[in-house]
Amino acid sequence: MEKGCWPKEDPDHEYIEGRILYWTRRLKGTCRFSRVECEDVAQEFCIYLFLRLPAFDPRRAGRRTFISRIIENHAHTLTQARYAAKRDPRREAGSLDCQIDPHDLESDSHRDYVDEDTYYAGLRGSTPVEAKHDLEISLSVAMNQMPQPLRQVCKLMYEGYTMTDIAQILNIHRSTVDDRKAEIRRRLRAAGFE
């Protein structure tokens, strides 16, 4: 961050620059911002503070506290946006559902994601429809081994009901539904579903 991004006429300009520098360095460490991104973030802090400073009310808080909270909240917003961008599915080039032709020259980029046996077998396994049918059969077998109360909750979850709706339909407490859901997950993991 370049020094002097805040006007020197402001009585708290050193404090403001110090807070901006602190939070910029912190974001650089936690979110892995580059040097150029850090400069942009510092400018963004200044602009954000310029926009929010007119709302300062001396009866509610001190000026430095108000400034600090504005910068902290914006840093938190930037951190959340950075992590949300990492989870954005649009940033991935390929789909997990599409099949890869192992004999295609461009598929070499996907070799890291597919084990060698599957890669060299040419992915000649089952089609998506067959795989879905096999999964339904395996899930049905695992479900039939569960007690009736767990099957009811599982069926309603599969139909898209919320936990609150399931509790109302079955006339039980929400915490009981959560306990049953945890038991369903435990039993499915034990049956080989991850």
Protein backbone atom coordinates (compact mmCIF):
# COMPACT_ATOMS: atom_id res chain seq x y z
CA MET A 1 0.00 0.00 0.00
CA GLU A 2 1.31 3.40 -0.87
CA LYS A 3 1.52 5.92 1.93
CA GLY A 4 -0.64 8.99 1.68
CA CYS A 5 -3.85 7.46 0.37
CA TRP A 6 -5.85 9.41 2.95
CA PRO A 7 -5.89 13.25 3.03
CA LYS A 8 -3.47 14.73 5.56
CA GLU A 9 -6.07 17.36 6.54
CA ASP A 10 -7.97 14.66 8.40
CA PRO A 11 -6.91 14.66 12.08
CA ASP A 12 -6.96 10.84 12.12
CA HIS A 13 -5.14 10.29 8.82
CA GLU A 14 -2.24 8.40 10.45
CA TYR A 15 -4.64 6.14 12.33
CA ILE A 16 -6.68 5.49 9.17
CA GLU A 17 -3.60 4.69 7.10
CA GLY A 18 -2.38 2.39 9.86
CA ARG A 19 -5.68 0.49 9.98
CA ILE A 20 -5.81 0.20 6.19
CA LEU A 21 -2.22 -1.04 6.10
CA TYR A 22 -2.91 -3.56 8.90
CA TRP A 23 -6.01 -5.01 7.23
CA THR A 24 -4.40 -5.05 3.79
CA ARG A 25 -1.46 -7.06 5.16
CA ARG A 26 -3.84 -9.36 7.01
CA LEU A 27 -5.85 -10.02 3.85
CA LYS A 28 -2.62 -10.64 1.97
CA GLY A 29 -1.75 -13.37 4.45
CA THR A 30 -5.14 -15.01 4.91
CA CYS A 31 -6.59 -14.71 1.40
CA ARG A 32 -3.32 -14.86 -0.53
CA PHE A 33 -3.78 -11.50 -2.24
CA SER A 34 -0.96 -10.47 -4.56
CA ARG A 35 0.87 -7.15 -4.17
CA VAL A 36 -1.22 -5.57 -6.93
CA GLU A 37 -4.44 -6.86 -5.37
CA CYS A 38 -3.33 -5.42 -2.02
CA GLU A 39 -2.93 -1.98 -3.58
CA ASP A 40 -6.42 -2.29 -5.07
CA VAL A 41 -7.80 -3.39 -1.70
CA ALA A 42 -6.17 -0.41 0.02
CA GLN A 43 -7.79 1.95 -2.48
CA GLU A 44 -11.09 0.14 -2.03
CA PHE A 45 -10.83 0.62 1.75
CA CYS A 46 -10.28 4.36 1.22
CA ILE A 47 -13.24 4.69 -1.14
CA TYR A 48 -15.47 2.61 1.13
CA LEU A 49 -14.46 4.74 4.11
CA PHE A 50 -15.12 7.98 2.18
CA LEU A 51 -18.62 6.75 1.39
CA ARG A 52 -19.42 5.59 4.94
CA LEU A 53 -17.81 8.40 6.96
CA PRO A 54 -20.71 10.86 6.52
CA ALA A 55 -22.89 8.45 8.55
CA PHE A 56 -20.67 8.99 11.63
CA ASP A 57 -22.67 9.91 14.74
CA PRO A 58 -20.47 11.07 17.66
CA ARG A 59 -23.25 10.21 20.14
CA ARG A 60 -23.05 6.51 19.27
CA ALA A 61 -19.29 5.91 19.12
CA GLY A 62 -15.91 7.54 18.89
CA ARG A 63 -14.64 8.47 15.44
CA ARG A 64 -11.70 6.07 15.53
CA THR A 65 -13.95 3.22 16.65
CA PHE A 66 -16.36 4.00 13.82
CA ILE A 67 -13.52 4.09 11.29
CA SER A 68 -12.05 0.85 12.60
CA ARG A 69 -15.42 -0.95 12.40
CA ILE A 70 -16.00 0.22 8.83
CA ILE A 71 -12.62 -1.10 7.71
CA GLU A 72 -12.99 -4.37 9.66
CA ASN A 73 -16.45 -5.04 8.26
CA HIS A 74 -15.29 -4.37 4.72
CA ALA A 75 -12.28 -6.66 5.24
CA HIS A 76 -14.67 -9.38 6.40
CA THR A 77 -16.84 -8.82 3.31
CA LEU A 78 -13.79 -9.08 1.04
CA THR A 79 -12.70 -12.30 2.77
CA GLN A 80 -16.13 -13.86 2.35
CA ALA A 81 -16.24 -12.83 -1.31
CA ARG A 82 -12.80 -14.36 -1.89
CA TYR A 83 -13.80 -17.69 -0.33
CA ALA A 84 -17.13 -17.69 -2.19
CA ALA A 85 -15.27 -17.17 -5.46
CA LYS A 86 -13.16 -20.24 -4.68
CA ARG A 87 -16.33 -22.32 -4.30
CA ASP A 88 -17.91 -20.96 -7.49
CA PRO A 89 -18.54 -23.91 -9.82
CA ARG A 90 -18.20 -21.70 -12.90
CA ARG A 91 -14.46 -21.35 -12.30
CA GLU A 92 -13.93 -25.04 -13.06
CA ALA A 93 -13.29 -25.80 -16.71
CA GLY A 94 -14.89 -29.23 -16.91
CA SER A 95 -17.84 -31.04 -15.48
CA LEU A 96 -17.59 -33.91 -13.07
CA ASP A 97 -20.50 -35.59 -14.85
CA CYS A 98 -19.08 -35.63 -18.36
CA GLN A 99 -17.21 -38.70 -19.49
CA ILE A 100 -13.67 -38.30 -20.72
CA ASP A 101 -12.41 -40.01 -23.84
CA PRO A 102 -9.03 -41.40 -22.73
CA HIS A 103 -7.78 -41.73 -26.30
CA ASP A 104 -8.38 -38.08 -27.04
CA LEU A 105 -5.14 -36.08 -27.00
CA GLU A 106 -6.75 -33.29 -25.01
CA SER A 107 -7.76 -35.65 -22.22
CA ASP A 108 -4.20 -35.76 -20.90
CA SER A 109 -5.06 -32.72 -18.79
CA HIS A 110 -7.55 -34.91 -16.92
CA ARG A 111 -5.10 -37.72 -16.13
CA ASP A 112 -4.54 -36.35 -12.64
CA TYR A 113 -8.23 -36.73 -11.84
CA VAL A 114 -8.70 -40.30 -13.09
CA ASP A 115 -6.80 -43.30 -11.78
CA GLU A 116 -4.69 -45.18 -14.33
CA ASP A 117 -6.83 -48.32 -14.44
CA THR A 118 -9.93 -46.32 -15.32
CA TYR A 119 -7.95 -44.19 -17.73
CA TYR A 120 -6.52 -47.10 -19.68
CA ALA A 121 -9.76 -49.06 -19.58
CA GLY A 122 -11.19 -46.26 -21.68
CA LEU A 123 -14.01 -45.56 -19.27
CA ARG A 124 -15.97 -48.35 -20.92
CA GLY A 125 -17.88 -48.94 -17.70
CA SER A 126 -21.55 -48.41 -17.17
CA THR A 127 -23.51 -45.58 -18.73
CA PRO A 128 -24.88 -42.83 -16.47
CA VAL A 129 -28.36 -44.42 -16.63
CA GLU A 130 -27.00 -47.81 -15.56
CA ALA A 131 -24.91 -46.24 -12.82
CA LYS A 132 -27.94 -44.36 -11.50
CA HIS A 133 -30.00 -47.56 -11.55
CA ASP A 134 -27.25 -49.45 -9.68
CA LEU A 135 -27.05 -46.67 -7.10
CA GLU A 136 -30.83 -46.76 -6.61
CA ILE A 137 -30.72 -50.53 -6.04
CA SER A 138 -27.84 -50.26 -3.55
CA LEU A 139 -29.57 -47.43 -1.73
CA SER A 140 -32.83 -49.38 -1.64
CA VAL A 141 -31.09 -52.38 -0.06
CA ALA A 142 -29.44 -50.15 2.56
CA MET A 143 -32.76 -48.41 3.27
CA ASN A 144 -34.64 -51.69 3.74
CA GLN A 145 -32.20 -52.64 6.51
CA MET A 146 -33.10 -49.51 8.49
CA PRO A 147 -35.91 -49.31 11.06
CA GLN A 148 -39.22 -47.79 9.92
CA PRO A 149 -38.74 -44.37 11.64
CA LEU A 150 -35.43 -43.85 9.82
CA ARG A 151 -36.95 -44.93 6.49
CA GLN A 152 -39.77 -42.40 6.94
CA VAL A 153 -37.33 -39.54 7.51
CA CYS A 154 -35.12 -40.65 4.62
CA LYS A 155 -38.09 -40.90 2.25
CA LEU A 156 -39.35 -37.43 3.18
CA MET A 157 -35.84 -35.97 2.81
CA TYR A 158 -35.58 -37.58 -0.62
CA GLU A 159 -38.91 -35.98 -1.57
CA GLY A 160 -37.46 -32.56 -0.75
CA TYR A 161 -39.12 -31.70 2.54
CA THR A 162 -37.27 -29.49 5.01
CA MET A 163 -36.41 -30.74 8.49
CA THR A 164 -39.17 -28.56 9.97
CA ASP A 165 -41.72 -29.96 7.51
CA ILE A 166 -40.65 -33.52 8.31
CA ALA A 167 -41.04 -32.85 12.04
CA GLN A 168 -44.56 -31.53 11.45
CA ILE A 169 -45.55 -34.40 9.15
CA LEU A 170 -44.29 -37.07 11.57
CA ASN A 171 -45.49 -35.10 14.62
CA ILE A 172 -42.08 -35.24 16.33
CA HIS A 173 -39.58 -32.66 17.54
CA ARG A 174 -37.11 -31.11 15.13
CA SER A 175 -34.20 -32.35 17.25
CA THR A 176 -35.50 -35.90 16.85
CA VAL A 177 -35.47 -35.44 13.08
CA ASP A 178 -31.87 -34.20 13.28
CA ASP A 179 -30.91 -37.22 15.39
CA ARG A 180 -32.54 -39.58 12.91
CA LYS A 181 -30.80 -37.83 10.02
CA ALA A 182 -27.44 -38.30 11.75
CA GLU A 183 -28.25 -41.99 12.31
CA ILE A 184 -29.21 -42.37 8.63
CA ARG A 185 -25.88 -40.87 7.58
CA ARG A 186 -24.00 -43.14 9.98
CA ARG A 187 -25.75 -46.24 8.65
CA LEU A 188 -25.23 -45.23 5.01
CA ARG A 189 -21.52 -44.66 5.65
CA ALA A 190 -21.33 -48.08 7.29
CA ALA A 191 -23.02 -49.53 4.18
CA GLY A 192 -20.33 -48.03 1.95
CA PHE A 193 -21.94 -44.74 0.85
CA GLU A 194 -19.70 -41.71 1.23
